């Protein structure tokens, strides 16, 4: 993803100040910018930091950004509740853009899923299937959880705020009828799948499917670059893809 972000930056006329990679010593010599093993080794200046590393690196990254007063785009997934709280605290000091998926198409899918769930209600069972490459560490994907949250919002809009949605990621250990409150989430890991997400609304006599397929990692890199440009000049706060899409609609 680092290479993809650098290529997306070049397409947008943006200069990459530096990259950070724990394997910096083996980085190709063809890069037109320096690669550091640790973020703290970078002593230059930059307008914004883009993170596609690992959620466990979050605190160190945000400490660096806070000291430098540098806006940050956080594009990693799998954050713990504590890490999310650290992000909210940092957002009181610097502008932070956080999204578990940087694709504009996925974020449109989120709105469609929310609308469909609000229109169809509990009479349609919702199941989410996500597929990713064999090296992806977290399951379900952050995007699948975002889709489940969007569906939950829609269901509560249809059935009332007290409608208790249950996100179920494992059914093998029990034998029981599917509960009306469930949203099933299923993960597939294999090969070089970039990212596939499908939301199934299964009714009594019909099935509705909403899906998104990522053809390459460029779609996430392009979104991250748009997020970085969006943050320039913004006040401290926690921003997301809805903020970016809303701004784009205004032009």
Protein backbone atom coordinates (compact mmCIF):
# COMPACT_ATOMS: atom_id res chain seq x y z
CA UNK A 1 0.00 0.00 0.00
CA UNK A 2 2.90 2.38 0.62
CA UNK A 3 4.01 2.00 -2.97
CA UNK A 4 0.42 2.41 -4.18
CA UNK A 5 0.01 5.62 -2.15
CA UNK A 6 3.26 7.01 -3.56
CA UNK A 7 2.10 6.26 -7.10
CA UNK A 8 -1.30 7.86 -6.42
CA UNK A 9 0.46 10.94 -5.03
CA UNK A 10 2.57 11.21 -8.18
CA UNK A 11 -0.56 11.03 -10.36
CA UNK A 12 -2.00 13.93 -8.34
CA UNK A 13 1.15 16.05 -8.52
CA UNK A 14 1.89 15.55 -4.82
CA UNK A 15 5.44 15.13 -3.50
CA UNK A 16 6.18 12.28 -1.09
CA UNK A 17 8.54 13.53 1.62
CA UNK A 18 9.47 10.09 2.98
CA UNK A 19 8.33 6.54 3.58
CA UNK A 20 8.52 4.40 6.71
CA UNK A 21 9.14 0.66 6.57
CA UNK A 22 10.60 -1.67 9.21
CA UNK A 23 12.44 -3.30 6.30
CA UNK A 24 13.90 0.01 5.14
CA UNK A 25 17.36 -1.50 4.69
CA UNK A 26 16.07 -3.69 1.86
CA UNK A 27 13.95 -1.00 0.17
CA UNK A 28 14.60 -0.67 -3.58
CA UNK A 29 17.04 2.07 -4.55
CA UNK A 30 14.62 3.24 -7.24
CA UNK A 31 12.49 5.21 -4.76
CA UNK A 32 12.69 8.98 -5.30
CA UNK A 33 12.27 9.67 -1.57
CA UNK A 34 14.03 8.36 1.55
CA UNK A 35 12.73 5.28 3.41
CA UNK A 36 13.17 5.21 7.20
CA UNK A 37 12.97 2.25 9.53
CA UNK A 38 11.27 4.32 12.24
CA UNK A 39 8.96 7.30 11.94
CA UNK A 40 11.01 9.21 14.52
CA UNK A 41 14.01 9.08 12.17
CA UNK A 42 12.25 11.50 9.81
CA UNK A 43 13.32 15.04 10.72
CA UNK A 44 12.01 16.84 7.66
CA UNK A 45 8.66 18.53 7.11
CA UNK A 46 5.42 17.35 5.51
CA UNK A 47 1.86 18.63 5.20
CA UNK A 48 0.13 15.37 6.16
CA UNK A 49 0.90 11.83 7.33
CA UNK A 50 -0.77 8.81 5.69
CA UNK A 51 -0.84 5.56 7.69
CA UNK A 52 -1.43 2.16 6.06
CA UNK A 53 0.66 0.17 8.55
CA UNK A 54 -0.90 -1.78 11.46
CA UNK A 55 -3.33 -0.72 14.16
CA UNK A 56 -0.80 -1.50 16.92
CA UNK A 57 1.40 1.33 15.60
CA UNK A 58 -1.37 3.90 16.09
CA UNK A 59 -0.26 5.46 19.40
CA UNK A 60 3.30 6.07 18.21
CA UNK A 61 2.08 7.51 14.92
CA UNK A 62 -0.36 9.88 16.61
CA UNK A 63 2.23 10.97 19.20
CA UNK A 64 4.55 11.87 16.32
CA UNK A 65 1.76 13.73 14.50
CA UNK A 66 0.74 15.64 17.63
CA UNK A 67 4.29 16.79 18.35
CA UNK A 68 4.73 17.91 14.73
CA UNK A 69 1.20 19.40 14.56
CA UNK A 70 0.76 17.28 11.45
CA UNK A 71 -2.67 16.16 10.11
CA UNK A 72 -2.99 12.38 9.83
CA UNK A 73 -4.92 10.01 7.57
CA UNK A 74 -5.47 6.71 9.40
CA UNK A 75 -6.37 3.95 6.92
CA UNK A 76 -5.61 0.88 9.04
CA UNK A 77 -8.24 -1.49 10.47
CA UNK A 78 -8.67 -3.71 13.50
CA UNK A 79 -8.36 -0.97 16.15
CA UNK A 80 -9.17 -1.83 19.75
CA UNK A 81 -11.59 0.34 21.78
CA UNK A 82 -8.56 1.83 23.57
CA UNK A 83 -6.90 2.74 20.28
CA UNK A 84 -10.10 4.38 19.03
CA UNK A 85 -10.21 6.44 22.22
CA UNK A 86 -6.57 7.47 21.67
CA UNK A 87 -7.57 8.61 18.19
CA UNK A 88 -10.46 10.68 19.53
CA UNK A 89 -8.16 12.31 22.07
CA UNK A 90 -5.60 13.16 19.39
CA UNK A 91 -8.35 14.62 17.21
CA UNK A 92 -8.84 17.32 19.82
CA UNK A 93 -5.35 18.57 18.94
CA UNK A 94 -4.85 17.79 15.23
CA UNK A 95 -7.11 17.02 12.28
CA UNK A 96 -7.46 13.26 11.75
CA UNK A 97 -9.17 11.50 8.85
CA UNK A 98 -10.20 7.96 9.79
CA UNK A 99 -11.87 5.39 7.59
CA UNK A 100 -11.67 1.61 7.59
CA UNK A 101 -12.04 1.75 3.81
CA UNK A 102 -10.74 4.56 1.61
CA UNK A 103 -12.78 3.62 -1.47
CA UNK A 104 -15.43 6.14 -2.54
CA UNK A 105 -17.41 3.26 -4.03
CA UNK A 106 -17.50 1.38 -0.73
CA UNK A 107 -18.73 4.48 1.04
CA UNK A 108 -21.52 4.81 -1.52
CA UNK A 109 -22.33 1.15 -0.82
CA UNK A 110 -22.64 2.00 2.88
CA UNK A 111 -25.35 4.56 2.10
CA UNK A 112 -27.17 2.10 -0.18
CA UNK A 113 -27.09 -0.61 2.50
CA UNK A 114 -28.44 1.76 5.13
CA UNK A 115 -31.27 2.85 2.80
CA UNK A 116 -32.12 -0.73 1.84
CA UNK A 117 -32.22 -1.90 5.46
CA UNK A 118 -34.44 1.03 6.42
CA UNK A 119 -36.81 0.24 3.54
CA UNK A 120 -36.92 -3.55 3.94
CA UNK A 121 -36.83 -3.85 7.73
CA UNK A 122 -36.57 -7.05 9.75
CA UNK A 123 -38.55 -9.11 7.24
CA UNK A 124 -35.35 -9.42 5.19
CA UNK A 125 -32.43 -11.30 6.73
CA UNK A 126 -29.09 -9.52 6.23
CA UNK A 127 -25.90 -11.46 5.57
CA UNK A 128 -22.51 -9.96 4.66
CA UNK A 129 -19.75 -11.86 2.86
CA UNK A 130 -16.25 -10.38 2.58
CA UNK A 131 -13.27 -11.83 0.70
CA UNK A 132 -9.62 -10.79 0.97
CA UNK A 133 -6.13 -12.05 0.22
CA UNK A 134 -4.45 -14.71 2.35
CA UNK A 135 -2.21 -12.19 4.13
CA UNK A 136 -5.00 -10.07 5.65
CA UNK A 137 -4.74 -10.42 9.42
CA UNK A 138 -8.07 -9.19 10.77
CA UNK A 139 -11.42 -10.89 10.24
CA UNK A 140 -14.07 -9.76 9.70
CA UNK A 141 -12.68 -6.90 7.66
CA UNK A 142 -13.16 -3.35 8.87
CA UNK A 143 -15.31 -2.71 5.81
CA UNK A 144 -17.59 -5.65 6.62
CA UNK A 145 -18.11 -4.22 10.09
CA UNK A 146 -18.85 -0.80 8.58
CA UNK A 147 -21.48 -2.44 6.36
CA UNK A 148 -22.98 -4.20 9.38
CA UNK A 149 -23.13 -0.89 11.23
CA UNK A 150 -24.82 0.79 8.24
CA UNK A 151 -27.37 -2.03 8.07
CA UNK A 152 -27.93 -1.71 11.82
CA UNK A 153 -28.65 2.01 11.45
CA UNK A 154 -31.16 1.24 8.72
CA UNK A 155 -32.87 -1.45 10.77
CA UNK A 156 -33.21 0.84 13.76
CA UNK A 157 -34.69 3.50 11.50
CA UNK A 158 -37.27 0.94 10.34
CA UNK A 159 -37.98 -0.89 13.59
CA UNK A 160 -37.23 1.68 16.30
CA UNK A 161 -34.09 2.67 18.19
CA UNK A 162 -34.58 -0.14 20.71
CA UNK A 163 -34.23 -2.81 18.01
CA UNK A 164 -31.21 -4.80 19.30
CA UNK A 165 -29.05 -5.88 16.36
CA UNK A 166 -26.73 -8.86 16.90
CA UNK A 167 -23.67 -9.10 14.65
CA UNK A 168 -22.85 -12.82 14.33
CA UNK A 169 -19.47 -13.91 12.95
CA UNK A 170 -19.59 -17.61 13.89
CA UNK A 171 -22.45 -20.10 13.79
CA UNK A 172 -20.66 -23.46 13.81
CA UNK A 173 -20.82 -23.83 17.59
CA UNK A 174 -24.63 -23.71 17.83
CA UNK A 175 -27.66 -25.28 16.22
CA UNK A 176 -30.61 -22.88 16.23
CA UNK A 177 -32.93 -21.01 13.92
CA UNK A 178 -31.62 -17.70 12.69
CA UNK A 179 -32.81 -14.87 14.97
CA UNK A 180 -34.53 -11.88 13.37
CA UNK A 181 -32.07 -9.55 15.09
CA UNK A 182 -28.99 -11.14 13.51
CA UNK A 183 -26.68 -9.73 10.86
CA UNK A 184 -24.35 -12.50 9.73
CA UNK A 185 -20.78 -11.64 8.69
CA UNK A 186 -18.65 -14.22 6.87
CA UNK A 187 -14.94 -13.99 5.99
CA UNK A 188 -13.03 -15.63 3.14
CA UNK A 189 -9.21 -15.51 2.96
CA UNK A 190 -7.27 -16.75 -0.03
CA UNK A 191 -4.87 -16.02 -2.85
CA UNK A 192 -4.50 -12.41 -3.94
CA UNK A 193 -8.12 -11.21 -3.62
CA UNK A 194 -7.94 -7.43 -3.27
CA UNK A 195 -11.34 -6.95 -1.66
CA UNK A 196 -14.87 -8.22 -2.30
CA UNK A 197 -17.92 -7.27 -0.24
CA UNK A 198 -21.50 -8.41 -0.74
CA UNK A 199 -24.55 -7.60 1.36
CA UNK A 200 -27.46 -10.02 0.96
CA UNK A 201 -31.03 -9.09 1.86
CA UNK A 202 -32.88 -12.42 1.90
CA UNK A 203 -36.66 -12.13 1.93
CA UNK A 204 -39.32 -14.81 1.88
CA UNK A 205 -39.68 -14.82 -1.91
CA UNK A 206 -36.79 -12.71 -3.21
CA UNK A 207 -33.13 -11.90 -2.63
CA UNK A 208 -31.49 -8.50 -3.09
CA UNK A 209 -27.69 -8.27 -3.38
CA UNK A 210 -25.53 -5.15 -3.10
CA UNK A 211 -21.83 -5.57 -3.76
CA UNK A 212 -18.49 -3.88 -4.34
CA UNK A 213 -15.40 -5.31 -5.97
CA UNK A 214 -11.97 -3.69 -5.76
CA UNK A 215 -9.96 -4.32 -8.93
CA UNK A 216 -6.66 -3.14 -7.43
CA UNK A 217 -5.18 -1.44 -4.38
CA UNK A 218 -5.06 1.80 -6.33
CA UNK A 219 -8.67 2.52 -5.36
CA UNK A 220 -7.68 2.69 -1.67
CA UNK A 221 -4.54 4.70 -2.39
CA UNK A 222 -6.47 7.24 -4.48
CA UNK A 223 -8.98 7.63 -1.64
CA UNK A 224 -6.19 8.18 0.88
CA UNK A 225 -4.66 10.90 -1.28
CA UNK A 226 -8.05 12.62 -1.58
CA UNK A 227 -8.37 12.39 2.22
CA UNK A 228 -4.89 13.91 2.65
CA UNK A 229 -5.78 16.83 0.37
CA UNK A 230 -9.06 17.26 2.26
CA UNK A 231 -7.24 17.62 5.61
CA UNK A 232 -5.01 20.50 4.54
CA UNK A 233 -6.11 23.63 6.39
CA UNK A 234 -8.78 21.84 8.44
CA UNK A 235 -9.12 22.55 12.18
CA UNK A 236 -8.55 19.81 14.74
CA UNK A 237 -11.25 17.16 14.63
CA UNK A 238 -12.08 13.61 13.59
CA UNK A 239 -13.16 13.43 9.94
CA UNK A 240 -14.37 10.53 7.81
CA UNK A 241 -15.35 9.64 4.26
CA UNK A 242 -18.81 11.17 4.65
CA UNK A 243 -17.17 14.55 5.24
CA UNK A 244 -15.07 14.12 2.10
CA UNK A 245 -18.00 13.00 -0.02
CA UNK A 246 -20.11 15.92 1.25
CA UNK A 247 -17.37 18.36 0.26
CA UNK A 248 -17.09 16.80 -3.20
CA UNK A 249 -20.87 17.14 -3.69
CA UNK A 250 -20.62 20.88 -3.01
CA UNK A 251 -18.37 21.47 -6.04
